[in-house]
Amino acid sequence: MAGVPVSELSKEQQDELLCAYAALILHDDGADVTAQGMTNLIKAAGCTVEAYWPMLMAKMISNVGMDALVKMGGGGGGGGGGAAPAA
């Protein structure tokens, strides 16, 4: 999603992105990543998401763990090419 302007994302994709950012902020701050915490951050930013998104995200994080999810990465985009052969 990083290569696409936010205005081109669907409402569902925007909601997921808002929850992901809220979860990362809470995690980075050392706070518990909860549905209420994400909702509070999203509202403080002047945004709204469908009510199920923070609950869904918080449940996934509690089951998998935020550290594990961060290490998984997004899996998007290919890396740069390898080094050119020596001449």
Protein backbone atom coordinates (compact mmCIF):
# COMPACT_ATOMS: atom_id res chain seq x y z
CA MET A 1 0.00 0.00 0.00
CA ALA A 2 2.91 2.36 0.49
CA GLY A 3 3.27 2.82 -3.25
CA VAL A 4 -0.34 3.96 -3.63
CA PRO A 5 -1.72 7.36 -2.57
CA VAL A 6 -4.13 7.05 0.36
CA SER A 7 -6.83 8.70 -1.74
CA GLU A 8 -6.74 5.68 -4.06
CA LEU A 9 -7.25 3.13 -1.26
CA SER A 10 -10.68 1.67 -0.55
CA LYS A 11 -12.35 2.59 2.76
CA GLU A 12 -11.56 -0.93 4.00
CA GLN A 13 -7.88 -0.55 3.14
CA GLN A 14 -7.76 2.87 4.83
CA ASP A 15 -9.35 1.42 7.97
CA GLU A 16 -6.83 -1.41 8.07
CA LEU A 17 -3.95 1.02 7.56
CA LEU A 18 -5.20 3.32 10.35
CA CYS A 19 -5.42 0.37 12.74
CA ALA A 20 -1.96 -0.87 11.77
CA TYR A 21 -0.45 2.57 12.39
CA ALA A 22 -2.30 2.91 15.70
CA ALA A 23 -1.06 -0.52 16.80
CA LEU A 24 2.52 0.37 15.85
CA ILE A 25 2.32 3.64 17.79
CA LEU A 26 0.99 1.88 20.91
CA HIS A 27 3.63 -0.84 20.62
CA ASP A 28 6.44 1.67 20.08
CA ASP A 29 5.26 3.59 23.15
CA GLY A 30 5.34 0.40 25.25
CA ALA A 31 1.57 0.49 25.81
CA ASP A 32 -0.74 -2.50 25.56
CA VAL A 33 -2.13 -2.82 22.05
CA THR A 34 -5.87 -2.93 22.69
CA ALA A 35 -8.93 -2.20 20.59
CA GLN A 36 -9.78 0.73 22.86
CA GLY A 37 -6.26 2.12 22.64
CA MET A 38 -6.33 1.96 18.85
CA THR A 39 -9.79 3.53 18.73
CA ASN A 40 -8.66 6.38 20.98
CA LEU A 41 -5.62 7.10 18.79
CA ILE A 42 -7.65 6.96 15.59
CA LYS A 43 -10.25 9.35 17.01
CA ALA A 44 -7.51 11.68 18.29
CA ALA A 45 -6.15 11.81 14.74
CA GLY A 46 -9.56 12.96 13.53
CA CYS A 47 -10.26 9.71 11.69
CA THR A 48 -12.85 6.96 11.97
CA VAL A 49 -12.86 3.26 11.18
CA GLU A 50 -15.53 0.59 11.19
CA ALA A 51 -15.91 -0.63 14.79
CA TYR A 52 -14.81 -4.19 14.02
CA TRP A 53 -11.32 -3.21 12.75
CA PRO A 54 -9.67 -2.35 16.08
CA MET A 55 -11.20 -5.44 17.71
CA LEU A 56 -10.04 -7.67 14.86
CA MET A 57 -6.53 -6.21 14.85
CA ALA A 58 -6.19 -6.40 18.66
CA LYS A 59 -7.27 -10.04 18.65
CA MET A 60 -4.75 -10.90 15.93
CA ILE A 61 -2.00 -9.10 17.84
CA SER A 62 -2.85 -10.87 21.09
CA ASN A 63 -2.78 -14.25 19.32
CA VAL A 64 0.36 -13.76 17.22
CA GLY A 65 2.24 -11.06 19.15
CA MET A 66 3.21 -7.63 17.92
CA ASP A 67 6.93 -8.43 17.77
CA ALA A 68 6.25 -11.45 15.55
CA LEU A 69 4.00 -9.41 13.25
CA VAL A 70 6.58 -6.64 12.92
CA LYS A 71 9.26 -9.19 12.04
CA MET A 72 7.01 -10.72 9.36
CA GLY A 73 6.94 -7.47 7.42
CA GLY A 74 4.54 -6.74 4.63
CA GLY A 75 6.08 -9.03 2.06
CA GLY A 76 5.59 -6.39 -0.61
CA GLY A 77 7.79 -5.40 -3.49
CA GLY A 78 10.87 -7.04 -4.81
CA GLY A 79 14.34 -6.10 -3.71
CA GLY A 80 16.95 -4.49 -5.87
CA GLY A 81 18.91 -6.54 -8.34
CA GLY A 82 22.12 -8.25 -7.36
CA ALA A 83 25.52 -6.74 -7.89
CA ALA A 84 26.76 -6.60 -11.45
CA PRO A 85 29.47 -9.09 -12.33
CA ALA A 86 33.02 -7.78 -12.19
CA ALA A 87 34.38 -6.71 -15.56
